[in-house]
């Protein structure tokens, strides 16, 4: 269980930091009130909602990239080791 917690932290913590940096970079140039839907209507969300949705979207994408890195760095012994019975 300790190994799973350590791997989860190794995925989520760098992803959180990168999501924060992406949030700062994107919204330094994009005003949330200027965003529109594909049909051209103004986005019916507050600026705080746009910031929050964007942050969690960035975090999800960077977490997926970090998880893929952790998966790809595992050795063949780890991948082929039989799992203990529950």
PDB file of N, CA and C in Angstrom:
ATOM      1  N   UNK A   1       0.829  -1.202   0.000  1.00  0.00           N
ATOM      2  CA  UNK A   1       0.000   0.000   0.000  1.00  0.00           C
ATOM      3  C   UNK A   1       0.867   1.256   0.000  1.00  0.00           C
ATOM      4  N   UNK A   2       2.003   1.172   0.690  1.00  0.00           N
ATOM      5  CA  UNK A   2       2.891   2.318   0.759  1.00  0.00           C
ATOM      6  C   UNK A   2       3.428   2.672  -0.628  1.00  0.00           C
ATOM      7  N   UNK A   3       3.705   1.651  -1.428  1.00  0.00           N
ATOM      8  CA  UNK A   3       4.218   1.871  -2.789  1.00  0.00           C
ATOM      9  C   UNK A   3       3.169   2.575  -3.643  1.00  0.00           C
ATOM     10  N   UNK A   4       1.901   2.198  -3.508  1.00  0.00           N
ATOM     11  CA  UNK A   4       0.829   2.826  -4.282  1.00  0.00           C
ATOM     12  C   UNK A   4       0.680   4.297  -3.884  1.00  0.00           C
ATOM     13  N   UNK A   5       0.742   4.575  -2.596  1.00  0.00           N
ATOM     14  CA  UNK A   5       0.637   5.962  -2.131  1.00  0.00           C
ATOM     15  C   UNK A   5       1.806   6.794  -2.643  1.00  0.00           C
ATOM     16  N   UNK A   6       2.986   6.222  -2.638  1.00  0.00           N
ATOM     17  CA  UNK A   6       4.169   6.945  -3.115  1.00  0.00           C
ATOM     18  C   UNK A   6       4.063   7.214  -4.618  1.00  0.00           C
ATOM     19  N   UNK A   7       3.602   6.233  -5.379  1.00  0.00           N
ATOM     20  CA  UNK A   7       3.438   6.427  -6.822  1.00  0.00           C
ATOM     21  C   UNK A   7       2.349   7.454  -7.114  1.00  0.00           C
ATOM     22  N   UNK A   8       1.270   7.400  -6.357  1.00  0.00           N
ATOM     23  CA  UNK A   8       0.187   8.368  -6.554  1.00  0.00           C
ATOM     24  C   UNK A   8       0.688   9.785  -6.284  1.00  0.00           C
ATOM     25  N   UNK A   9       1.450   9.951  -5.208  1.00  0.00           N
ATOM     26  CA  UNK A   9       2.023  11.265  -4.903  1.00  0.00           C
ATOM     27  C   UNK A   9       3.011  11.694  -5.973  1.00  0.00           C
ATOM     28  N   UNK A  10       3.784  10.756  -6.504  1.00  0.00           N
ATOM     29  CA  UNK A  10       4.751  11.066  -7.556  1.00  0.00           C
ATOM     30  C   UNK A  10       4.053  11.483  -8.849  1.00  0.00           C
ATOM     31  N   UNK A  11       2.815  11.095  -9.016  1.00  0.00           N
ATOM     32  CA  UNK A  11       2.040  11.495 -10.197  1.00  0.00           C
ATOM     33  C   UNK A  11       1.330  12.823  -9.949  1.00  0.00           C
ATOM     34  N   UNK A  12       0.624  12.928  -8.834  1.00  0.00           N
ATOM     35  CA  UNK A  12      -0.245  14.077  -8.609  1.00  0.00           C
ATOM     36  C   UNK A  12       0.484  15.364  -8.221  1.00  0.00           C
ATOM     37  N   UNK A  13       1.576  15.264  -7.468  1.00  0.00           N
ATOM     38  CA  UNK A  13       2.250  16.478  -7.012  1.00  0.00           C
ATOM     39  C   UNK A  13       2.909  17.253  -8.153  1.00  0.00           C
ATOM     40  N   UNK A  14       3.732  16.630  -9.010  1.00  0.00           N
ATOM     41  CA  UNK A  14       4.282  17.406 -10.127  1.00  0.00           C
ATOM     42  C   UNK A  14       3.193  17.885 -11.087  1.00  0.00           C
ATOM     43  N   UNK A  15       2.142  17.093 -11.260  1.00  0.00           N
ATOM     44  CA  UNK A  15       1.038  17.503 -12.129  1.00  0.00           C
ATOM     45  C   UNK A  15       0.339  18.734 -11.555  1.00  0.00           C
ATOM     46  N   UNK A  16       0.189  18.786 -10.240  1.00  0.00           N
ATOM     47  CA  UNK A  16      -0.421  19.950  -9.587  1.00  0.00           C
ATOM     48  C   UNK A  16       0.420  21.195  -9.822  1.00  0.00           C
ATOM     49  N   UNK A  17       1.732  21.064  -9.652  1.00  0.00           N
ATOM     50  CA  UNK A  17       2.615  22.216  -9.850  1.00  0.00           C
ATOM     51  C   UNK A  17       2.581  22.702 -11.294  1.00  0.00           C
ATOM     52  N   UNK A  18       2.613  21.781 -12.241  1.00  0.00           N
ATOM     53  CA  UNK A  18       2.571  22.172 -13.649  1.00  0.00           C
ATOM     54  C   UNK A  18       1.214  22.781 -14.004  1.00  0.00           C
ATOM     55  N   UNK A  19       0.140  22.263 -13.442  1.00  0.00           N
ATOM     56  CA  UNK A  19      -1.188  22.841 -13.695  1.00  0.00           C
ATOM     57  C   UNK A  19      -1.250  24.283 -13.187  1.00  0.00           C
ATOM     58  N   UNK A  20      -0.635  24.548 -12.054  1.00  0.00           N
ATOM     59  CA  UNK A  20      -0.603  25.913 -11.523  1.00  0.00           C
ATOM     60  C   UNK A  20       0.176  26.837 -12.456  1.00  0.00           C
ATOM     61  N   UNK A  21       1.293  26.368 -12.975  1.00  0.00           N
ATOM     62  CA  UNK A  21       2.089  27.174 -13.906  1.00  0.00           C
ATOM     63  C   UNK A  21       1.305  27.421 -15.202  1.00  0.00           C
ATOM     64  N   UNK A  22       0.663  26.376 -15.731  1.00  0.00           N
ATOM     65  CA  UNK A  22      -0.143  26.539 -16.938  1.00  0.00           C
ATOM     66  C   UNK A  22      -1.285  27.533 -16.714  1.00  0.00           C
ATOM     67  N   UNK A  23      -1.902  27.462 -15.566  1.00  0.00           N
ATOM     68  CA  UNK A  23      -2.983  28.392 -15.221  1.00  0.00           C
ATOM     69  C   UNK A  23      -2.485  29.834 -15.263  1.00  0.00           C
ATOM     70  N   UNK A  24      -1.317  30.061 -14.665  1.00  0.00           N
ATOM     71  CA  UNK A  24      -0.750  31.410 -14.661  1.00  0.00           C
ATOM     72  C   UNK A  24      -0.417  31.877 -16.075  1.00  0.00           C
ATOM     73  N   UNK A  25       0.179  31.012 -16.859  1.00  0.00           N
ATOM     74  CA  UNK A  25       0.575  31.393 -18.216  1.00  0.00           C
ATOM     75  C   UNK A  25      -0.630  31.649 -19.119  1.00  0.00           C
ATOM     76  N   UNK A  26      -1.603  30.763 -19.088  1.00  0.00           N
ATOM     77  CA  UNK A  26      -2.765  30.914 -19.964  1.00  0.00           C
ATOM     78  C   UNK A  26      -3.563  32.156 -19.603  1.00  0.00           C
ATOM     79  N   UNK A  27      -3.847  32.345 -18.325  1.00  0.00           N
ATOM     80  CA  UNK A  27      -4.710  33.452 -17.949  1.00  0.00           C
ATOM     81  C   UNK A  27      -3.959  34.770 -17.792  1.00  0.00           C
ATOM     82  N   UNK A  28      -2.665  34.770 -18.053  1.00  0.00           N
ATOM     83  CA  UNK A  28      -1.944  36.035 -18.198  1.00  0.00           C
ATOM     84  C   UNK A  28      -2.295  36.671 -19.544  1.00  0.00           C
ATOM     85  N   UNK A  29      -2.715  35.825 -20.505  1.00  0.00           N
ATOM     86  CA  UNK A  29      -3.034  36.308 -21.845  1.00  0.00           C
ATOM     87  C   UNK A  29      -4.515  36.203 -22.218  1.00  0.00           C
ATOM     88  N   UNK A  30      -5.280  35.398 -21.496  1.00  0.00           N
ATOM     89  CA  UNK A  30      -6.688  35.171 -21.828  1.00  0.00           C
ATOM     90  C   UNK A  30      -7.566  35.724 -20.710  1.00  0.00           C
ATOM     91  N   UNK A  31      -8.531  36.551 -21.102  1.00  0.00           N
ATOM     92  CA  UNK A  31      -9.489  37.082 -20.149  1.00  0.00           C
ATOM     93  C   UNK A  31     -10.709  36.151 -20.125  1.00  0.00           C
ATOM     94  N   UNK A  32     -11.056  35.568 -18.976  1.00  0.00           N
ATOM     95  CA  UNK A  32     -12.187  34.630 -18.922  1.00  0.00           C
ATOM     96  C   UNK A  32     -13.506  35.234 -19.404  1.00  0.00           C
ATOM     97  N   UNK A  33     -13.683  36.535 -19.252  1.00  0.00           N
ATOM     98  CA  UNK A  33     -14.939  37.149 -19.694  1.00  0.00           C
ATOM     99  C   UNK A  33     -15.017  37.273 -21.214  1.00  0.00           C
ATOM    100  N   UNK A  34     -13.899  37.088 -21.909  1.00  0.00           N
ATOM    101  CA  UNK A  34     -13.905  37.185 -23.373  1.00  0.00           C
ATOM    102  C   UNK A  34     -14.117  35.829 -24.050  1.00  0.00           C
ATOM    103  N   UNK A  35     -14.265  34.773 -23.265  1.00  0.00           N
ATOM    104  CA  UNK A  35     -14.462  33.440 -23.842  1.00  0.00           C
ATOM    105  C   UNK A  35     -15.897  33.259 -24.323  1.00  0.00           C
ATOM    106  N   UNK A  36     -16.045  32.525 -25.444  1.00  0.00           N
ATOM    107  CA  UNK A  36     -17.359  32.279 -26.032  1.00  0.00           C
ATOM    108  C   UNK A  36     -17.513  30.795 -26.342  1.00  0.00           C
ATOM    109  N   UNK A  37     -18.766  30.358 -26.464  1.00  0.00           N
ATOM    110  CA  UNK A  37     -19.035  28.979 -26.865  1.00  0.00           C
ATOM    111  C   UNK A  37     -18.799  28.841 -28.365  1.00  0.00           C
ATOM    112  N   UNK A  38     -18.905  27.632 -28.876  1.00  0.00           N
ATOM    113  CA  UNK A  38     -18.705  27.409 -30.307  1.00  0.00           C
ATOM    114  C   UNK A  38     -19.762  28.108 -31.156  1.00  0.00           C
ATOM    115  N   UNK A  39     -20.943  28.328 -30.591  1.00  0.00           N
ATOM    116  CA  UNK A  39     -22.004  29.015 -31.331  1.00  0.00           C
ATOM    117  C   UNK A  39     -21.842  30.534 -31.295  1.00  0.00           C
ATOM    118  N   UNK A  40     -20.881  31.037 -30.549  1.00  0.00           N
ATOM    119  CA  UNK A  40     -20.625  32.469 -30.496  1.00  0.00           C
ATOM    120  C   UNK A  40     -21.229  33.173 -29.302  1.00  0.00           C
ATOM    121  N   UNK A  41     -22.008  32.471 -28.499  1.00  0.00           N
ATOM    122  CA  UNK A  41     -22.614  33.083 -27.310  1.00  0.00           C
ATOM    123  C   UNK A  41     -21.566  33.226 -26.212  1.00  0.00           C
ATOM    124  N   UNK A  42     -21.746  34.222 -25.379  1.00  0.00           N
ATOM    125  CA  UNK A  42     -20.825  34.419 -24.255  1.00  0.00           C
ATOM    126  C   UNK A  42     -20.905  33.224 -23.314  1.00  0.00           C
ATOM    127  N   UNK A  43     -19.796  32.851 -22.757  1.00  0.00           N
ATOM    128  CA  UNK A  43     -19.741  31.712 -21.844  1.00  0.00           C
ATOM    129  C   UNK A  43     -20.494  32.065 -20.560  1.00  0.00           C
ATOM    130  N   UNK A  44     -21.494  31.268 -20.178  1.00  0.00           N
ATOM    131  CA  UNK A  44     -22.331  31.630 -19.018  1.00  0.00           C
ATOM    132  C   UNK A  44     -21.718  31.202 -17.682  1.00  0.00           C
ATOM    133  N   UNK A  45     -20.433  31.452 -17.494  1.00  0.00           N
ATOM    134  CA  UNK A  45     -19.754  31.073 -16.260  1.00  0.00           C
ATOM    135  C   UNK A  45     -19.028  32.283 -15.684  1.00  0.00           C
ATOM    136  N   UNK A  46     -18.893  32.291 -14.369  1.00  0.00           N
ATOM    137  CA  UNK A  46     -18.127  33.361 -13.740  1.00  0.00           C
ATOM    138  C   UNK A  46     -16.635  33.145 -14.001  1.00  0.00           C
ATOM    139  N   UNK A  47     -15.848  34.167 -13.781  1.00  0.00           N
ATOM    140  CA  UNK A  47     -14.399  34.064 -13.979  1.00  0.00           C
ATOM    141  C   UNK A  47     -13.812  33.001 -13.050  1.00  0.00           C
ATOM    142  N   UNK A  48     -14.314  32.941 -11.826  1.00  0.00           N
ATOM    143  CA  UNK A  48     -13.817  31.938 -10.871  1.00  0.00           C
ATOM    144  C   UNK A  48     -14.106  30.532 -11.366  1.00  0.00           C
ATOM    145  N   UNK A  49     -15.282  30.324 -11.949  1.00  0.00           N
ATOM    146  CA  UNK A  49     -15.629  29.003 -12.484  1.00  0.00           C
ATOM    147  C   UNK A  49     -14.714  28.639 -13.647  1.00  0.00           C
ATOM    148  N   UNK A  50     -14.429  29.594 -14.521  1.00  0.00           N
ATOM    149  CA  UNK A  50     -13.537  29.333 -15.657  1.00  0.00           C
ATOM    150  C   UNK A  50     -12.138  28.991 -15.151  1.00  0.00           C
ATOM    151  N   UNK A  51     -11.638  29.747 -14.183  1.00  0.00           N
ATOM    152  CA  UNK A  51     -10.315  29.457 -13.614  1.00  0.00           C
ATOM    153  C   UNK A  51     -10.284  28.057 -13.002  1.00  0.00           C
ATOM    154  N   UNK A  52     -11.330  27.706 -12.269  1.00  0.00           N
ATOM    155  CA  UNK A  52     -11.382  26.399 -11.596  1.00  0.00           C
ATOM    156  C   UNK A  52     -11.451  25.251 -12.593  1.00  0.00           C
ATOM    157  N   UNK A  53     -12.330  25.381 -13.578  1.00  0.00           N
ATOM    158  CA  UNK A  53     -12.469  24.322 -14.590  1.00  0.00           C
ATOM    159  C   UNK A  53     -11.169  24.155 -15.362  1.00  0.00           C
ATOM    160  N   UNK A  54     -10.555  25.277 -15.730  1.00  0.00           N
ATOM    161  CA  UNK A  54      -9.288  25.209 -16.464  1.00  0.00           C
ATOM    162  C   UNK A  54      -8.203  24.547 -15.616  1.00  0.00           C
ATOM    163  N   UNK A  55      -8.118  24.919 -14.337  1.00  0.00           N
ATOM    164  CA  UNK A  55      -7.097  24.330 -13.476  1.00  0.00           C
ATOM    165  C   UNK A  55      -7.269  22.817 -13.380  1.00  0.00           C
ATOM    166  N   UNK A  56      -8.493  22.361 -13.136  1.00  0.00           N
ATOM    167  CA  UNK A  56      -8.704  20.921 -13.010  1.00  0.00           C
ATOM    168  C   UNK A  56      -8.503  20.206 -14.339  1.00  0.00           C
ATOM    169  N   UNK A  57      -8.804  20.873 -15.439  1.00  0.00           N
ATOM    170  CA  UNK A  57      -8.511  20.301 -16.754  1.00  0.00           C
ATOM    171  C   UNK A  57      -7.013  20.170 -16.983  1.00  0.00           C
ATOM    172  N   UNK A  58      -6.270  21.221 -16.648  1.00  0.00           N
ATOM    173  CA  UNK A  58      -4.802  21.165 -16.761  1.00  0.00           C
ATOM    174  C   UNK A  58      -4.247  20.077 -15.851  1.00  0.00           C
ATOM    175  N   UNK A  59      -4.790  19.974 -14.635  1.00  0.00           N
ATOM    176  CA  UNK A  59      -4.297  18.978 -13.686  1.00  0.00           C
ATOM    177  C   UNK A  59      -4.576  17.569 -14.194  1.00  0.00           C
ATOM    178  N   UNK A  60      -5.743  17.348 -14.768  1.00  0.00           N
ATOM    179  CA  UNK A  60      -6.083  16.026 -15.301  1.00  0.00           C
ATOM    180  C   UNK A  60      -5.148  15.649 -16.450  1.00  0.00           C
ATOM    181  N   UNK A  61      -4.897  16.589 -17.346  1.00  0.00           N
ATOM    182  CA  UNK A  61      -4.018  16.296 -18.488  1.00  0.00           C
ATOM    183  C   UNK A  61      -2.583  16.037 -18.049  1.00  0.00           C
ATOM    184  N   UNK A  62      -2.069  16.848 -17.147  1.00  0.00           N
ATOM    185  CA  UNK A  62      -0.692  16.644 -16.699  1.00  0.00           C
ATOM    186  C   UNK A  62      -0.584  15.402 -15.810  1.00  0.00           C
ATOM    187  N   UNK A  63      -1.636  15.062 -15.077  1.00  0.00           N
ATOM    188  CA  UNK A  63      -1.631  13.815 -14.296  1.00  0.00           C
ATOM    189  C   UNK A  63      -1.571  12.603 -15.208  1.00  0.00           C
ATOM    190  N   UNK A  64      -2.304  12.663 -16.311  1.00  0.00           N
ATOM    191  CA  UNK A  64      -2.271  11.557 -17.272  1.00  0.00           C
ATOM    192  C   UNK A  64      -0.869  11.405 -17.859  1.00  0.00           C
ATOM    193  N   UNK A  65      -0.212  12.518 -18.164  1.00  0.00           N
ATOM    194  CA  UNK A  65       1.147  12.455 -18.700  1.00  0.00           C
ATOM    195  C   UNK A  65       2.122  11.889 -17.657  1.00  0.00           C
ATOM    196  N   UNK A  66       1.982  12.312 -16.408  1.00  0.00           N
ATOM    197  CA  UNK A  66       2.852  11.799 -15.343  1.00  0.00           C
ATOM    198  C   UNK A  66       2.588  10.311 -15.098  1.00  0.00           C
ATOM    199  N   UNK A  67       1.331   9.905 -15.131  1.00  0.00           N
ATOM    200  CA  UNK A  67       0.989   8.491 -14.927  1.00  0.00           C
ATOM    201  C   UNK A  67       1.568   7.633 -16.042  1.00  0.00           C
ATOM    202  N   UNK A  68       1.534   8.133 -17.255  1.00  0.00           N
ATOM    203  CA  UNK A  68       2.116   7.404 -18.368  1.00  0.00           C
ATOM    204  C   UNK A  68       3.626   7.258 -18.189  1.00  0.00           C
ATOM    205  N   UNK A  69       4.272   8.300 -17.696  1.00  0.00           N
ATOM    206  CA  UNK A  69       5.702   8.231 -17.427  1.00  0.00           C
ATOM    207  C   UNK A  69       6.010   7.177 -16.367  1.00  0.00           C
ATOM    208  N   UNK A  70       5.234   7.161 -15.292  1.00  0.00           N
ATOM    209  CA  UNK A  70       5.444   6.164 -14.235  1.00  0.00           C
ATOM    210  C   UNK A  70       5.214   4.759 -14.777  1.00  0.00           C
ATOM    211  N   UNK A  71       4.196   4.585 -15.595  1.00  0.00           N
ATOM    212  CA  UNK A  71       3.914   3.277 -16.185  1.00  0.00           C
ATOM    213  C   UNK A  71       5.058   2.827 -17.096  1.00  0.00           C
ATOM    214  N   UNK A  72       5.565   3.731 -17.912  1.00  0.00           N
ATOM    215  CA  UNK A  72       6.605   3.368 -18.862  1.00  0.00           C
ATOM    216  C   UNK A  72       7.967   3.132 -18.218  1.00  0.00           C
ATOM    217  N   UNK A  73       8.197   3.688 -17.045  1.00  0.00           N
ATOM    218  CA  UNK A  73       9.496   3.488 -16.402  1.00  0.00           C
ATOM    219  C   UNK A  73       9.571   2.212 -15.560  1.00  0.00           C
ATOM    220  N   UNK A  74       8.454   1.501 -15.438  1.00  0.00           N
ATOM    221  CA  UNK A  74       8.463   0.250 -14.675  1.00  0.00           C
ATOM    222  C   UNK A  74       9.258  -0.807 -15.421  1.00  0.00           C
ATOM    223  N   UNK A  75       9.968  -1.621 -14.670  1.00  0.00           N
ATOM    224  CA  UNK A  75      10.774  -2.677 -15.281  1.00  0.00           C
ATOM    225  C   UNK A  75       9.897  -3.859 -15.686  1.00  0.00           C
ATOM    226  N   UNK A  76      10.456  -4.717 -16.531  1.00  0.00           N
ATOM    227  CA  UNK A  76       9.695  -5.897 -16.958  1.00  0.00           C
ATOM    228  C   UNK A  76       9.446  -6.848 -15.787  1.00  0.00           C
ATOM    229  N   UNK A  77      10.351  -6.855 -14.803  1.00  0.00           N
ATOM    230  CA  UNK A  77      10.142  -7.697 -13.624  1.00  0.00           C
ATOM    231  C   UNK A  77       8.920  -7.236 -12.826  1.00  0.00           C
ATOM    232  N   UNK A  78       8.763  -5.921 -12.700  1.00  0.00           N
ATOM    233  CA  UNK A  78       7.596  -5.391 -11.989  1.00  0.00           C
ATOM    234  C   UNK A  78       6.312  -5.702 -12.743  1.00  0.00           C
ATOM    235  N   UNK A  79       6.356  -5.590 -14.042  1.00  0.00           N
ATOM    236  CA  UNK A  79       5.165  -5.814 -14.846  1.00  0.00           C
ATOM    237  C   UNK A  79       4.764  -7.287 -14.904  1.00  0.00           C
ATOM    238  N   UNK A  80       5.745  -8.187 -14.871  1.00  0.00           N
ATOM    239  CA  UNK A  80       5.466  -9.617 -15.031  1.00  0.00           C
ATOM    240  C   UNK A  80       5.382 -10.385 -13.718  1.00  0.00           C
ATOM    241  N   UNK A  81       5.606  -9.694 -12.609  1.00  0.00           N
ATOM    242  CA  UNK A  81       5.545 -10.332 -11.286  1.00  0.00           C
ATOM    243  C   UNK A  81       4.114 -10.772 -10.995  1.00  0.00           C
ATOM    244  N   UNK A  82       3.929 -12.007 -10.521  1.00  0.00           N
ATOM    245  CA  UNK A  82       2.565 -12.452 -10.189  1.00  0.00           C
ATOM    246  C   UNK A  82       1.998 -11.643  -9.015  1.00  0.00           C
ATOM    247  N   UNK A  83       0.736 -11.359  -9.098  1.00  0.00           N
ATOM    248  CA  UNK A  83       0.077 -10.590  -8.038  1.00  0.00           C
ATOM    249  C   UNK A  83      -0.305 -11.511  -6.894  1.00  0.00           C
ATOM    250  N   UNK A  84      -0.214 -11.027  -5.655  1.00  0.00           N
ATOM    251  CA  UNK A  84      -0.635 -11.854  -4.519  1.00  0.00           C
ATOM    252  C   UNK A  84      -2.151 -12.033  -4.522  1.00  0.00           C
ATOM    253  N   UNK A  85      -2.587 -13.172  -4.028  1.00  0.00           N
ATOM    254  CA  UNK A  85      -4.021 -13.445  -3.942  1.00  0.00           C
ATOM    255  C   UNK A  85      -4.649 -12.541  -2.906  1.00  0.00           C
ATOM    256  N   UNK A  86      -5.880 -12.069  -3.136  1.00  0.00           N
ATOM    257  CA  UNK A  86      -6.531 -11.157  -2.161  1.00  0.00           C
ATOM    258  C   UNK A  86      -6.944 -11.831  -0.900  1.00  0.00           C
TER     259      UNK A  86
END
